């Protein structure tokens, strides 16, 4: 019983952290909070300056 409560608290903490991150990013004007470029004008992940590589090691477009 105690194990179930601990797991539930961990999941609730993770969910609360994710929601808090989204709210803070939106207040700071970040358009896409999941984008790794952290650009305020980033319309999509394709506009980021980070180079992406596929599984063969070649640069993808």
Protein backbone atom coordinates (compact mmCIF):
# COMPACT_ATOMS: atom_id res chain seq x y z
CA UNK A 1 0.00 0.00 0.00
CA UNK A 2 2.78 2.42 0.90
CA UNK A 3 4.57 1.59 -2.38
CA UNK A 4 1.49 2.56 -4.37
CA UNK A 5 1.28 5.90 -2.59
CA UNK A 6 4.96 6.64 -3.26
CA UNK A 7 4.58 5.82 -6.97
CA UNK A 8 1.47 7.99 -7.16
CA UNK A 9 3.31 10.90 -5.50
CA UNK A 10 6.25 10.56 -7.90
CA UNK A 11 3.94 10.58 -10.93
CA UNK A 12 2.03 13.56 -9.55
CA UNK A 13 5.30 15.46 -8.96
CA UNK A 14 6.46 14.76 -12.52
CA UNK A 15 3.13 15.91 -13.94
CA UNK A 16 3.15 19.07 -11.81
CA UNK A 17 6.71 19.83 -12.94
CA UNK A 18 5.79 19.44 -16.60
CA UNK A 19 2.76 21.70 -16.24
CA UNK A 20 4.82 24.29 -14.35
CA UNK A 21 7.47 24.29 -17.10
CA UNK A 22 4.87 24.86 -19.80
CA UNK A 23 3.22 27.69 -17.84
CA UNK A 24 6.56 29.40 -17.12
CA UNK A 25 7.66 29.09 -20.76
CA UNK A 26 4.37 30.55 -21.99
CA UNK A 27 4.68 33.48 -19.55
CA UNK A 28 8.21 34.11 -20.85
CA UNK A 29 6.97 34.18 -24.44
CA UNK A 30 8.48 30.91 -25.66
CA UNK A 31 6.37 29.78 -28.62
CA UNK A 32 7.30 26.09 -28.56
CA UNK A 33 8.42 24.96 -25.11
CA UNK A 34 9.45 21.53 -26.38
CA UNK A 35 11.83 22.94 -28.99
CA UNK A 36 15.47 22.64 -28.04
CA UNK A 37 16.53 25.88 -29.74
CA UNK A 38 14.75 28.02 -27.08
CA UNK A 39 14.13 30.72 -29.66
CA UNK A 40 11.33 33.17 -28.97
CA UNK A 41 10.55 33.42 -32.70
CA UNK A 42 10.88 29.70 -33.53
CA UNK A 43 7.77 28.75 -35.55
CA UNK A 44 8.67 25.06 -35.66
CA UNK A 45 11.41 22.59 -34.82
CA UNK A 46 12.61 22.76 -38.43
CA UNK A 47 13.65 26.39 -37.96
CA UNK A 48 16.10 25.57 -35.17
CA UNK A 49 19.80 25.91 -35.88
CA UNK A 50 20.59 22.50 -34.38
CA UNK A 51 21.76 20.01 -37.00
CA UNK A 52 19.90 16.71 -36.99
CA UNK A 53 21.42 13.37 -37.93
CA UNK A 54 19.61 10.18 -38.85
CA UNK A 55 20.51 6.69 -37.60
CA UNK A 56 23.15 6.20 -40.33
CA UNK A 57 25.07 9.28 -39.17
CA UNK A 58 24.21 11.38 -42.22
CA UNK A 59 22.79 14.84 -41.84
CA UNK A 60 19.04 14.96 -42.45
CA UNK A 61 17.30 17.87 -44.13
